[in-house]
Amino acid sequence: MSQAHPVGLDDQTAVVLLADIAEASRLWGWSRIVRGPRALQRVPGLLFSKVLGSGYEGGFALRPSPSRQGVFALFESVQTAQDFISHSALVGDYQKRSNEFCCVTLKAFSCRGSWDGVSFQANAEPPINGPVAALTRASIKFSKAHAFWRHAPPSQTALEGVEGCQLAVGLGEAPFFRQATFSIWNSVTEMNAYARSGSHLKAIQAANQQGYFSESMFARFVPLKVEGQWLGKRYA
């Protein structure tokens, strides 16, 4: 594994797009996943990107969703992130072709680990009050996949509907082996209460003790803006 390296400047800003592709556009949606980051080539200010599938109904099951997917994009500044949201043809295509579409703009206040050798720069202050977002992703070792998925479903099921969680979605670059979870919480306190208790804590302890991952990242963000609709809930 290559050594993790920070990317970008002090204004580094992330964008998460979530889309539920309309039935008539499913082939287009699958083509976005096949193309992967190539779909975002030549986007001004883009530092890092991933096009991600989702679990069934936007959740965390091994069964993939035929329609729900996401994009993670890291930009060199707030301005280039906003320009992407406002003017990118890709964002416009997702909006036109989706039954639901949600866009989240974020700044990291902590990042531990890496994603394909890249670590994100923490350039925001942790929120004292108000919402917080979390991105957890891992590359699961082939030999450890069965053990990982034995622990994962109870942990992830516990996340659905937990107090203080505004939004939670299971995402992944590849089935079984490259998985991620993105969530938004009312506060750091409520996020930490979930992370440090119950089945989630047991899953993390097992992962650390048994060495499930060849690479992992745990990033925390301040949400700057959440717009659109996801799983029936509207965000201003």
Foldseek 3Di string as FASTA:
>chain_A
DDAADEDADLAKKKKKKKFFFDPVCLVVVVVCLVCWCVVVPPQPQWDDKGKKWFCDLQFADLHTHSGIIMMMTMGNHPVSVVCCCVPPPVNVVRVVGGPWMKMWMWAFQDKDWADVRYTYDRNDHFDPFFKKKKKKKFFFDPVCLVVLVVLPPVLRVCVVPQPFWPDKGKIASDRSGITMIMTMGRHPVSVVVSCCDDSNVVSVVCCVVVVGGPTIMMIMIDTPAMAIDDPHDGGD
